[in-house]
Amino acid sequence: MRNNIVWHHTNKKKEDRETLLKQKGAVLWFTGLSGSGKSTVANAVEKKLFEAGRATYLLDGDNVRHGLNKDLGFDTKDRIENIRRIAEVSKLFVDAGIITLTAFISPFIEDRNQVRSLLGDRFIEIFVDCSLETCEGRDPKGLYKKARAGEIKDFTGIDSPYQKPIHPEIIVATDVETVEECRDKIIRYLIVNGLIRSDDLEV
């Protein structure tokens, strides 16, 4: 059956949709430990862009696991599949010309590189750098406490590794930079690299 599946091209191309939206579709891929501030910074960036009239969508790790990936667990195999599915969804958003923000731990370099290979220069890796000690001290969901008690297995940073990005496009250090500083650093990158225009965006 797979041999009978053919990709159908639409009448309108990505470039047509980008012209209409006056922006370029891209994926801002936030990666970092649980509690590092991925969702917080991603939400701040999306709010700023949306208020300036940009077309955006935020894919959050927990939200996606409520629906699209609710059948997946947290062992290595399922984590890889989780990221693969998100990459494919992100590719569709990019084709629609949307600035897509993803907030996932995505702990493995190889998986993130696979996303980069799929999306090319529209993939912007953002390392939300924050020490394990700080993340564990924040522990907004109480997950580190449960992991230390053995109630959660394969928890990133405790009994499952987090592989830091080697050459991310952007690094934000949430244990020393404010949310606003992180947000503005990311938006400046988008402007400088021609993904959005600076109209109505003060950073």
N, C-alpha and C. Protein backbone atom coordinates (compact mmCIF):
# COMPACT_ATOMS: atom_id res chain seq x y z
N MET A 1 0.82 -1.22 0.00
CA MET A 1 0.00 0.00 0.00
C MET A 1 0.85 1.26 0.00
N ARG A 2 1.99 1.23 0.71
CA ARG A 2 2.82 2.44 0.80
C ARG A 2 3.25 2.92 -0.58
N ASN A 3 3.45 2.00 -1.52
CA ASN A 3 3.87 2.38 -2.86
C ASN A 3 2.78 3.15 -3.61
N ASN A 4 1.56 3.08 -3.12
CA ASN A 4 0.44 3.77 -3.78
C ASN A 4 0.18 5.16 -3.21
N ILE A 5 0.99 5.57 -2.25
CA ILE A 5 0.83 6.91 -1.65
C ILE A 5 1.67 7.90 -2.43
N VAL A 6 1.02 8.94 -2.95
CA VAL A 6 1.70 9.94 -3.78
C VAL A 6 1.51 11.32 -3.17
N TRP A 7 2.58 12.10 -3.11
CA TRP A 7 2.48 13.47 -2.57
C TRP A 7 1.74 14.34 -3.57
N HIS A 8 0.70 15.03 -3.12
CA HIS A 8 -0.09 15.92 -3.98
C HIS A 8 0.33 17.36 -3.75
N HIS A 9 0.71 18.02 -4.82
CA HIS A 9 1.11 19.43 -4.73
C HIS A 9 -0.13 20.32 -4.79
N THR A 10 -0.12 21.37 -3.98
CA THR A 10 -1.24 22.30 -3.95
C THR A 10 -1.01 23.44 -4.94
N ASN A 11 -2.07 24.18 -5.21
CA ASN A 11 -1.96 25.29 -6.16
C ASN A 11 -1.10 26.42 -5.64
N LYS A 12 -1.11 26.60 -4.32
CA LYS A 12 -0.34 27.67 -3.71
C LYS A 12 0.90 27.12 -3.03
N LYS A 13 2.02 27.82 -3.21
CA LYS A 13 3.28 27.40 -2.63
C LYS A 13 3.52 28.12 -1.30
N LYS A 14 4.49 27.62 -0.58
CA LYS A 14 4.87 28.24 0.69
C LYS A 14 5.18 29.71 0.50
N GLU A 15 5.89 30.03 -0.58
CA GLU A 15 6.26 31.43 -0.84
C GLU A 15 5.04 32.32 -1.02
N ASP A 16 3.97 31.79 -1.61
CA ASP A 16 2.74 32.57 -1.76
C ASP A 16 2.13 32.90 -0.40
N ARG A 17 2.13 31.89 0.48
CA ARG A 17 1.55 32.11 1.81
C ARG A 17 2.41 33.06 2.62
N GLU A 18 3.73 32.97 2.46
CA GLU A 18 4.63 33.88 3.18
C GLU A 18 4.46 35.32 2.70
N THR A 19 4.25 35.48 1.42
CA THR A 19 4.01 36.83 0.89
C THR A 19 2.75 37.43 1.48
N LEU A 20 1.70 36.61 1.57
CA LEU A 20 0.44 37.07 2.16
C LEU A 20 0.63 37.47 3.62
N LEU A 21 1.39 36.66 4.36
CA LEU A 21 1.57 36.89 5.80
C LEU A 21 2.67 37.89 6.12
N LYS A 22 3.50 38.20 5.12
CA LYS A 22 4.62 39.14 5.30
C LYS A 22 5.60 38.63 6.36
N GLN A 23 5.88 37.35 6.29
CA GLN A 23 6.85 36.73 7.18
C GLN A 23 7.28 35.40 6.56
N LYS A 24 8.29 34.80 7.13
CA LYS A 24 8.75 33.50 6.66
C LYS A 24 8.42 32.44 7.71
N GLY A 25 7.91 31.31 7.23
CA GLY A 25 7.63 30.22 8.15
C GLY A 25 8.91 29.68 8.74
N ALA A 26 8.91 29.44 10.03
CA ALA A 26 10.11 28.93 10.70
C ALA A 26 9.69 28.23 11.98
N VAL A 27 10.58 27.39 12.48
CA VAL A 27 10.35 26.70 13.75
C VAL A 27 11.38 27.16 14.77
N LEU A 28 10.91 27.73 15.85
CA LEU A 28 11.77 28.09 16.97
C LEU A 28 11.72 26.91 17.93
N TRP A 29 12.80 26.12 17.92
CA TRP A 29 12.81 24.85 18.66
C TRP A 29 13.48 25.07 20.02
N PHE A 30 12.66 25.24 21.07
CA PHE A 30 13.17 25.45 22.42
C PHE A 30 13.51 24.09 23.04
N THR A 31 14.74 23.92 23.47
CA THR A 31 15.15 22.67 24.11
C THR A 31 15.87 22.98 25.41
N GLY A 32 15.67 22.15 26.40
CA GLY A 32 16.31 22.35 27.70
C GLY A 32 15.66 21.44 28.73
N LEU A 33 16.24 21.42 29.91
CA LEU A 33 15.73 20.59 30.99
C LEU A 33 14.32 20.98 31.41
N SER A 34 13.63 20.06 32.03
CA SER A 34 12.34 20.38 32.64
C SER A 34 12.56 21.47 33.68
N GLY A 35 11.74 22.52 33.63
CA GLY A 35 11.88 23.62 34.58
C GLY A 35 12.86 24.68 34.15
N SER A 36 13.46 24.54 32.97
CA SER A 36 14.44 25.53 32.51
C SER A 36 13.79 26.83 32.05
N GLY A 37 12.52 26.76 31.72
CA GLY A 37 11.81 27.97 31.28
C GLY A 37 11.43 27.96 29.80
N LYS A 38 11.46 26.80 29.17
CA LYS A 38 11.15 26.71 27.74
C LYS A 38 9.77 27.28 27.42
N SER A 39 8.76 26.78 28.12
CA SER A 39 7.38 27.21 27.84
C SER A 39 7.19 28.68 28.20
N THR A 40 7.81 29.12 29.28
CA THR A 40 7.67 30.51 29.71
C THR A 40 8.24 31.47 28.68
N VAL A 41 9.44 31.19 28.20
CA VAL A 41 10.07 32.06 27.20
C VAL A 41 9.33 31.96 25.87
N ALA A 42 8.96 30.74 25.47
CA ALA A 42 8.24 30.56 24.20
C ALA A 42 6.93 31.33 24.21
N ASN A 43 6.21 31.28 25.33
CA ASN A 43 4.96 32.03 25.44
C ASN A 43 5.19 33.53 25.34
N ALA A 44 6.27 34.01 25.95
CA ALA A 44 6.59 35.44 25.91
C ALA A 44 6.92 35.88 24.48
N VAL A 45 7.67 35.04 23.76
CA VAL A 45 8.01 35.36 22.37
C VAL A 45 6.75 35.36 21.51
N GLU A 46 5.91 34.34 21.67
CA GLU A 46 4.70 34.29 20.86
C GLU A 46 3.79 35.49 21.14
N LYS A 47 3.65 35.86 22.40
CA LYS A 47 2.79 36.99 22.76
C LYS A 47 3.27 38.27 22.07
N LYS A 48 4.59 38.50 22.09
CA LYS A 48 5.16 39.69 21.46
C LYS A 48 4.93 39.68 19.96
N LEU A 49 5.15 38.55 19.33
CA LEU A 49 4.97 38.44 17.89
C LEU A 49 3.50 38.58 17.50
N PHE A 50 2.63 37.92 18.25
CA PHE A 50 1.20 37.96 17.94
C PHE A 50 0.66 39.37 18.07
N GLU A 51 1.07 40.07 19.12
CA GLU A 51 0.59 41.43 19.33
C GLU A 51 1.08 42.37 18.24
N ALA A 52 2.16 41.99 17.56
CA ALA A 52 2.68 42.78 16.44
C ALA A 52 2.09 42.33 15.11
N GLY A 53 1.09 41.44 15.17
CA GLY A 53 0.40 41.03 13.97
C GLY A 53 1.01 39.87 13.22
N ARG A 54 1.91 39.13 13.86
CA ARG A 54 2.51 37.97 13.20
C ARG A 54 1.66 36.72 13.41
N ALA A 55 1.70 35.83 12.42
CA ALA A 55 0.96 34.57 12.51
C ALA A 55 1.84 33.53 13.20
N THR A 56 1.39 33.05 14.35
CA THR A 56 2.21 32.16 15.18
C THR A 56 1.39 30.98 15.68
N TYR A 57 2.11 29.95 16.13
CA TYR A 57 1.45 28.86 16.86
C TYR A 57 2.48 28.21 17.77
N LEU A 58 2.05 27.91 19.00
CA LEU A 58 2.95 27.31 19.99
C LEU A 58 2.56 25.86 20.24
N LEU A 59 3.50 24.96 19.98
CA LEU A 59 3.32 23.53 20.28
C LEU A 59 4.06 23.24 21.59
N ASP A 60 3.31 22.95 22.63
CA ASP A 60 3.90 22.68 23.94
C ASP A 60 3.93 21.18 24.21
N GLY A 61 4.99 20.72 24.84
CA GLY A 61 5.18 19.30 25.07
C GLY A 61 4.03 18.62 25.78
N ASP A 62 3.56 19.20 26.87
CA ASP A 62 2.46 18.59 27.62
C ASP A 62 1.17 18.58 26.81
N ASN A 63 0.90 19.67 26.10
CA ASN A 63 -0.33 19.76 25.33
C ASN A 63 -0.37 18.72 24.22
N VAL A 64 0.74 18.53 23.54
CA VAL A 64 0.79 17.56 22.45
C VAL A 64 0.57 16.14 22.96
N ARG A 65 1.06 15.86 24.16
CA ARG A 65 0.88 14.53 24.72
C ARG A 65 -0.54 14.27 25.21
N HIS A 66 -1.37 15.31 25.25
CA HIS A 66 -2.78 15.12 25.57
C HIS A 66 -3.55 14.60 24.36
N GLY A 67 -3.02 14.81 23.15
CA GLY A 67 -3.75 14.43 21.96
C GLY A 67 -2.92 13.62 20.99
N LEU A 68 -2.21 14.31 20.12
CA LEU A 68 -1.45 13.66 19.05
C LEU A 68 -0.55 12.54 19.55
N ASN A 69 0.11 12.75 20.67
CA ASN A 69 1.08 11.77 21.17
C ASN A 69 0.66 11.13 22.49
N LYS A 70 -0.64 11.05 22.73
CA LYS A 70 -1.09 10.49 24.00
C LYS A 70 -0.81 9.00 24.13
N ASP A 71 -0.48 8.35 23.01
CA ASP A 71 -0.19 6.91 23.05
C ASP A 71 1.28 6.63 23.36
N LEU A 72 2.08 7.67 23.53
CA LEU A 72 3.52 7.50 23.75
C LEU A 72 3.89 7.63 25.22
N GLY A 73 4.89 6.84 25.63
CA GLY A 73 5.42 6.95 26.98
C GLY A 73 6.67 7.79 26.99
N PHE A 74 7.58 7.49 27.94
CA PHE A 74 8.77 8.32 28.10
C PHE A 74 10.07 7.51 28.02
N ASP A 75 9.98 6.28 27.53
CA ASP A 75 11.23 5.55 27.31
C ASP A 75 11.90 6.11 26.05
N THR A 76 13.12 5.67 25.79
CA THR A 76 13.89 6.25 24.70
C THR A 76 13.18 6.13 23.36
N LYS A 77 12.62 4.96 23.08
CA LYS A 77 11.94 4.73 21.81
C LYS A 77 10.77 5.69 21.62
N ASP A 78 9.97 5.87 22.65
CA ASP A 78 8.81 6.75 22.54
C ASP A 78 9.21 8.23 22.49
N ARG A 79 10.28 8.57 23.17
CA ARG A 79 10.76 9.95 23.10
C ARG A 79 11.20 10.30 21.68
N ILE A 80 11.86 9.36 21.03
CA ILE A 80 12.30 9.57 19.65
C ILE A 80 11.09 9.74 18.73
N GLU A 81 10.09 8.88 18.91
CA GLU A 81 8.88 8.97 18.09
C GLU A 81 8.12 10.26 18.38
N ASN A 82 8.11 10.70 19.62
CA ASN A 82 7.47 11.95 20.00
C ASN A 82 8.05 13.11 19.19
N ILE A 83 9.36 13.19 19.14
CA ILE A 83 10.02 14.27 18.41
C ILE A 83 9.82 14.11 16.90
N ARG A 84 9.84 12.89 16.40
CA ARG A 84 9.63 12.69 14.97
C ARG A 84 8.26 13.23 14.54
N ARG A 85 7.23 12.93 15.32
CA ARG A 85 5.89 13.40 14.97
C ARG A 85 5.81 14.93 15.03
N ILE A 86 6.41 15.50 16.06
CA ILE A 86 6.40 16.95 16.19
C ILE A 86 7.12 17.60 15.02
N ALA A 87 8.21 17.01 14.58
CA ALA A 87 8.95 17.54 13.44
C ALA A 87 8.07 17.58 12.19
N GLU A 88 7.32 16.52 11.96
CA GLU A 88 6.47 16.46 10.78
C GLU A 88 5.33 17.48 10.87
N VAL A 89 4.76 17.63 12.04
CA VAL A 89 3.72 18.65 12.24
C VAL A 89 4.31 20.04 12.02
N SER A 90 5.50 20.27 12.56
CA SER A 90 6.16 21.56 12.42
C SER A 90 6.43 21.89 10.95
N LYS A 91 6.79 20.87 10.19
CA LYS A 91 7.04 21.08 8.75
C LYS A 91 5.80 21.59 8.05
N LEU A 92 4.64 21.07 8.43
CA LEU A 92 3.38 21.52 7.84
C LEU A 92 3.11 22.98 8.20
N PHE A 93 3.38 23.34 9.45
CA PHE A 93 3.19 24.73 9.88
C PHE A 93 4.12 25.67 9.11
N VAL A 94 5.35 25.25 8.91
CA VAL A 94 6.30 26.07 8.15
C VAL A 94 5.80 26.25 6.72
N ASP A 95 5.27 25.18 6.12
CA ASP A 95 4.74 25.28 4.76
C ASP A 95 3.57 26.25 4.70
N ALA A 96 2.86 26.40 5.82
CA ALA A 96 1.74 27.34 5.89
C ALA A 96 2.22 28.77 6.13
N GLY A 97 3.53 28.94 6.34
CA GLY A 97 4.08 30.27 6.57
C GLY A 97 4.01 30.74 8.00
N ILE A 98 3.72 29.83 8.91
CA ILE A 98 3.53 30.17 10.33
C ILE A 98 4.87 30.15 11.08
N ILE A 99 5.04 31.10 11.97
CA ILE A 99 6.17 31.06 12.90
C ILE A 99 5.74 30.13 14.03
N THR A 100 6.37 28.97 14.09
CA THR A 100 5.97 27.92 15.02
C THR A 100 6.98 27.81 16.15
N LEU A 101 6.49 27.81 17.36
CA LEU A 101 7.35 27.70 18.53
C LEU A 101 7.08 26.34 19.17
N THR A 102 8.13 25.58 19.43
CA THR A 102 7.97 24.28 20.06
C THR A 102 8.74 24.25 21.37
N ALA A 103 8.09 23.77 22.41
CA ALA A 103 8.73 23.71 23.73
C ALA A 103 8.75 22.26 24.20
N PHE A 104 9.84 21.58 23.90
CA PHE A 104 10.02 20.17 24.25
C PHE A 104 11.41 19.98 24.84
N ILE A 105 11.53 19.10 25.81
CA ILE A 105 12.86 18.80 26.35
C ILE A 105 13.76 18.33 25.22
N SER A 106 13.27 17.46 24.37
CA SER A 106 14.01 16.88 23.23
C SER A 106 15.47 16.67 23.60
N PRO A 107 15.74 15.69 24.47
CA PRO A 107 17.05 15.57 25.11
C PRO A 107 18.19 15.06 24.24
N PHE A 108 17.87 14.47 23.08
CA PHE A 108 18.92 13.81 22.31
C PHE A 108 19.35 14.60 21.09
N ILE A 109 20.67 14.79 20.94
CA ILE A 109 21.22 15.56 19.82
C ILE A 109 20.79 14.96 18.49
N GLU A 110 20.86 13.65 18.37
CA GLU A 110 20.53 13.00 17.10
C GLU A 110 19.10 13.31 16.67
N ASP A 111 18.17 13.31 17.62
CA ASP A 111 16.77 13.61 17.28
C ASP A 111 16.62 15.04 16.79
N ARG A 112 17.28 15.97 17.48
CA ARG A 112 17.19 17.38 17.06
C ARG A 112 17.85 17.58 15.71
N ASN A 113 18.92 16.86 15.45
CA ASN A 113 19.56 16.95 14.13
C ASN A 113 18.66 16.41 13.04
N GLN A 114 17.86 15.41 13.36
CA GLN A 114 16.90 14.89 12.38
C GLN A 114 15.86 15.96 12.04
N VAL A 115 15.44 16.71 13.04
CA VAL A 115 14.49 17.80 12.79
C VAL A 115 15.15 18.86 11.92
N ARG A 116 16.39 19.18 12.22
CA ARG A 116 17.13 20.17 11.42
C ARG A 116 17.24 19.71 9.96
N SER A 117 17.51 18.43 9.75
CA SER A 117 17.61 17.89 8.39
C SER A 117 16.28 18.02 7.65
N LEU A 118 15.19 17.84 8.37
CA LEU A 118 13.86 17.93 7.76
C LEU A 118 13.49 19.36 7.41
N LEU A 119 13.86 20.30 8.27
CA LEU A 119 13.40 21.69 8.11
C LEU A 119 14.44 22.62 7.49
N GLY A 120 15.69 22.20 7.44
CA GLY A 120 16.72 23.02 6.83
C GLY A 120 16.94 24.33 7.56
N ASP A 121 17.08 25.41 6.79
CA ASP A 121 17.39 26.71 7.40
C ASP A 121 16.19 27.35 8.09
N ARG A 122 15.05 26.66 8.09
CA ARG A 122 13.89 27.18 8.82
C ARG A 122 13.83 26.62 10.24
N PHE A 123 14.84 25.84 10.61
CA PHE A 123 14.93 25.29 11.96
C PHE A 123 15.89 26.16 12.78
N ILE A 124 15.37 26.72 13.86
CA ILE A 124 16.17 27.58 14.72
C ILE A 124 16.19 26.94 16.11
N GLU A 125 17.35 26.40 16.45
CA GLU A 125 17.49 25.71 17.73
C GLU A 125 17.80 26.73 18.83
N ILE A 126 16.99 26.72 19.85
CA ILE A 126 17.15 27.65 20.97
C ILE A 126 17.41 26.84 22.23
N PHE A 127 18.63 26.94 22.73
CA PHE A 127 19.00 26.22 23.95
C PHE A 127 18.63 27.06 25.16
N VAL A 128 17.68 26.59 25.92
CA VAL A 128 17.28 27.27 27.16
C VAL A 128 18.18 26.72 28.26
N ASP A 129 19.26 27.41 28.48
CA ASP A 129 20.33 26.95 29.36
C ASP A 129 20.01 27.31 30.81
N CYS A 130 19.99 26.30 31.64
CA CYS A 130 19.71 26.51 33.06
C CYS A 130 20.26 25.31 33.81
N SER A 131 20.94 25.55 34.90
CA SER A 131 21.57 24.45 35.62
C SER A 131 20.54 23.49 36.19
N LEU A 132 20.94 22.24 36.33
CA LEU A 132 20.06 21.23 36.91
C LEU A 132 19.65 21.66 38.31
N GLU A 133 20.58 22.23 39.06
CA GLU A 133 20.28 22.66 40.43
C GLU A 133 19.15 23.70 40.45
N THR A 134 19.23 24.66 39.52
CA THR A 134 18.19 25.69 39.46
C THR A 134 16.85 25.11 39.03
N CYS A 135 16.89 24.25 38.00
CA CYS A 135 15.65 23.62 37.52
C CYS A 135 15.00 22.78 38.62
N GLU A 136 15.85 22.04 39.34
CA GLU A 136 15.33 21.20 40.41
C GLU A 136 14.80 22.04 41.55
N GLY A 137 15.43 23.19 41.78
CA GLY A 137 14.94 24.09 42.82
C GLY A 137 13.59 24.69 42.46
N ARG A 138 13.39 24.97 41.18
CA ARG A 138 12.09 25.50 40.74
C ARG A 138 11.02 24.41 40.81
N ASP A 139 11.29 23.30 40.15
CA ASP A 139 10.42 22.11 40.14
C ASP A 139 8.93 22.47 40.15
N PRO A 140 8.46 23.24 39.14
CA PRO A 140 7.08 23.74 39.17
C PRO A 140 6.01 22.66 39.18
N LYS A 141 6.32 21.49 38.66
CA LYS A 141 5.33 20.40 38.61
C LYS A 141 5.61 19.31 39.63
N GLY A 142 6.66 19.49 40.43
CA GLY A 142 7.01 18.48 41.42
C GLY A 142 7.59 17.21 40.82
N LEU A 143 8.07 17.30 39.56
CA LEU A 143 8.56 16.11 38.86
C LEU A 143 9.92 15.66 39.37
N TYR A 144 10.80 16.61 39.67
CA TYR A 144 12.13 16.22 40.16
C TYR A 144 12.01 15.50 41.50
N LYS A 145 11.12 15.99 42.34
CA LYS A 145 10.91 15.35 43.64
C LYS A 145 10.46 13.91 43.45
N LYS A 146 9.54 13.69 42.51
CA LYS A 146 9.06 12.34 42.24
C LYS A 146 10.16 11.47 41.63
N ALA A 147 10.97 12.08 40.75
CA ALA A 147 12.06 11.33 40.12
C ALA A 147 13.09 10.91 41.15
N ARG A 148 13.42 11.81 42.07
CA ARG A 148 14.39 11.49 43.12
C ARG A 148 13.86 10.39 44.04
N ALA A 149 12.54 10.35 44.18
CA ALA A 149 11.93 9.34 45.05
C ALA A 149 11.70 8.02 44.32
N GLY A 150 12.05 7.99 43.03
CA GLY A 150 11.88 6.77 42.26
C GLY A 150 10.48 6.55 41.72
N GLU A 151 9.63 7.58 41.85
CA GLU A 151 8.25 7.45 41.38
C GLU A 151 8.13 7.65 39.87
N ILE A 152 9.12 8.35 39.28
CA ILE A 152 9.16 8.56 37.84
C ILE A 152 10.49 8.00 37.33
N LYS A 153 10.40 7.14 36.31
CA LYS A 153 11.61 6.56 35.72
C LYS A 153 11.96 7.28 34.43
N ASP A 154 13.22 7.17 34.02
CA ASP A 154 13.71 7.77 32.77
C ASP A 154 13.46 9.27 32.73
N PHE A 155 13.70 9.93 33.86
CA PHE A 155 13.47 11.37 33.93
C PHE A 155 14.75 12.11 33.53
N THR A 156 14.63 13.01 32.56
CA THR A 156 15.80 13.71 32.02
C THR A 156 16.50 14.52 33.11
N GLY A 157 17.81 14.32 33.19
CA GLY A 157 18.62 15.03 34.17
C GLY A 157 18.85 14.24 35.44
N ILE A 158 18.02 13.22 35.67
CA ILE A 158 18.16 12.40 36.87
C ILE A 158 18.65 11.00 36.50
N ASP A 159 17.83 10.23 35.80
CA ASP A 159 18.28 8.90 35.38
C ASP A 159 18.19 8.70 33.87
N SER A 160 18.05 9.80 33.14
CA SER A 160 18.11 9.79 31.68
C SER A 160 18.88 11.04 31.26
N PRO A 161 19.77 10.93 30.29
CA PRO A 161 20.66 12.05 29.97
C PRO A 161 20.00 13.18 29.19
N TYR A 162 20.53 14.38 29.35
CA TYR A 162 20.19 15.50 28.47
C TYR A 162 21.46 15.89 27.74
N GLN A 163 21.41 15.86 26.43
CA GLN A 163 22.57 16.19 25.60
C GLN A 163 22.43 17.63 25.12
N LYS A 164 23.30 18.49 25.63
CA LYS A 164 23.23 19.91 25.28
C LYS A 164 23.51 20.13 23.80
N PRO A 165 22.84 21.12 23.20
CA PRO A 165 23.14 21.46 21.80
C PRO A 165 24.61 21.88 21.65
N ILE A 166 25.18 21.51 20.51
CA ILE A 166 26.58 21.86 20.25
C ILE A 166 26.69 23.23 19.60
N HIS A 167 25.86 23.49 18.59
CA HIS A 167 25.90 24.77 17.89
C HIS A 167 24.48 25.32 17.69
N PRO A 168 23.80 25.66 18.78
CA PRO A 168 22.45 26.21 18.62
C PRO A 168 22.50 27.61 18.02
N GLU A 169 21.44 27.99 17.34
CA GLU A 169 21.38 29.35 16.78
C GLU A 169 21.32 30.39 17.90
N ILE A 170 20.63 30.06 18.98
CA ILE A 170 20.43 31.01 20.07
C ILE A 170 20.59 30.28 21.40
N ILE A 171 21.22 30.95 22.36
CA ILE A 171 21.28 30.46 23.73
C ILE A 171 20.68 31.52 24.64
N VAL A 172 19.72 31.11 25.46
CA VAL A 172 19.20 32.01 26.49
C VAL A 172 19.45 31.35 27.84
N ALA A 173 19.97 32.10 28.76
CA ALA A 173 20.33 31.58 30.08
C ALA A 173 19.30 32.07 31.10
N THR A 174 18.32 31.26 31.38
CA THR A 174 17.20 31.73 32.19
C THR A 174 17.51 31.84 33.68
N ASP A 175 18.68 31.35 34.08
CA ASP A 175 19.03 31.54 35.49
C ASP A 175 19.77 32.84 35.74
N VAL A 176 20.11 33.57 34.65
CA VAL A 176 20.77 34.87 34.80
C VAL A 176 20.10 35.96 33.97
N GLU A 177 19.31 35.58 32.97
CA GLU A 177 18.61 36.56 32.13
C GLU A 177 17.12 36.55 32.45
N THR A 178 16.50 37.71 32.36
CA THR A 178 15.06 37.81 32.59
C THR A 178 14.32 37.23 31.39
N VAL A 179 13.04 36.94 31.59
CA VAL A 179 12.22 36.44 30.50
C VAL A 179 12.20 37.45 29.36
N GLU A 180 12.12 38.74 29.70
CA GLU A 180 12.08 39.79 28.67
C GLU A 180 13.39 39.85 27.89
N GLU A 181 14.51 39.69 28.57
CA GLU A 181 15.80 39.69 27.88
C GLU A 181 15.92 38.50 26.94
N CYS A 182 15.47 37.35 27.38
CA CYS A 182 15.48 36.16 26.53
C CYS A 182 14.58 36.36 25.32
N ARG A 183 13.39 36.86 25.57
CA ARG A 183 12.42 37.11 24.49
C ARG A 183 12.99 38.04 23.43
N ASP A 184 13.55 39.15 23.88
CA ASP A 184 14.05 40.15 22.93
C ASP A 184 15.26 39.65 22.15
N LYS A 185 16.09 38.83 22.77
CA LYS A 185 17.23 38.24 22.07
C LYS A 185 16.75 37.39 20.90
N ILE A 186 15.70 36.63 21.13
CA ILE A 186 15.16 35.75 20.09
C ILE A 186 14.52 36.56 18.97
N ILE A 187 13.75 37.57 19.32
CA ILE A 187 13.09 38.39 18.30
C ILE A 187 14.11 39.16 17.47
N ARG A 188 15.17 39.63 18.10
CA ARG A 188 16.22 40.31 17.34
C ARG A 188 16.85 39.36 16.32
N TYR A 189 17.03 38.11 16.70
CA TYR A 189 17.58 37.12 15.77
C TYR A 189 16.67 36.98 14.56
N LEU A 190 15.37 36.91 14.79
CA LEU A 190 14.42 36.76 13.68
C LEU A 190 14.48 37.95 12.74
N ILE A 191 14.62 39.14 13.30
CA ILE A 191 14.68 40.35 12.48
C ILE A 191 15.98 40.40 11.69
N VAL A 192 17.10 40.19 12.37
CA VAL A 192 18.42 40.27 11.72
C VAL A 192 18.54 39.25 10.59
N ASN A 193 17.92 38.09 10.76
CA ASN A 193 18.05 37.02 9.77
C ASN A 193 16.91 37.02 8.75
N GLY A 194 16.14 38.09 8.73
CA GLY A 194 15.15 38.29 7.68
C GLY A 194 13.92 37.42 7.74
N LEU A 195 13.64 36.82 8.89
CA LEU A 195 12.46 35.98 9.01
C LEU A 195 11.20 36.81 9.28
N ILE A 196 11.37 37.95 9.93
CA ILE A 196 10.28 38.89 10.14
C ILE A 196 10.82 40.30 9.94
N ARG A 197 9.90 41.23 9.67
CA ARG A 197 10.29 42.64 9.58
C ARG A 197 10.16 43.27 10.96
N SER A 198 10.84 44.35 11.14
CA SER A 198 10.86 45.00 12.45
C SER A 198 9.64 45.86 12.72
N ASP A 199 8.73 45.97 11.75
CA ASP A 199 7.54 46.79 11.92
C ASP A 199 6.80 46.42 13.21
N ASP A 200 6.50 47.42 14.01
CA ASP A 200 5.70 47.25 15.23
C ASP A 200 6.36 46.35 16.28
N LEU A 201 7.65 46.12 16.14
CA LEU A 201 8.35 45.30 17.12
C LEU A 201 9.50 46.10 17.73
N GLU A 202 9.33 46.48 18.98
CA GLU A 202 10.37 47.23 19.68
C GLU A 202 11.10 46.28 20.61
N VAL A 203 12.39 46.09 20.34
CA VAL A 203 13.20 45.22 21.20
C VAL A 203 14.53 45.90 21.50
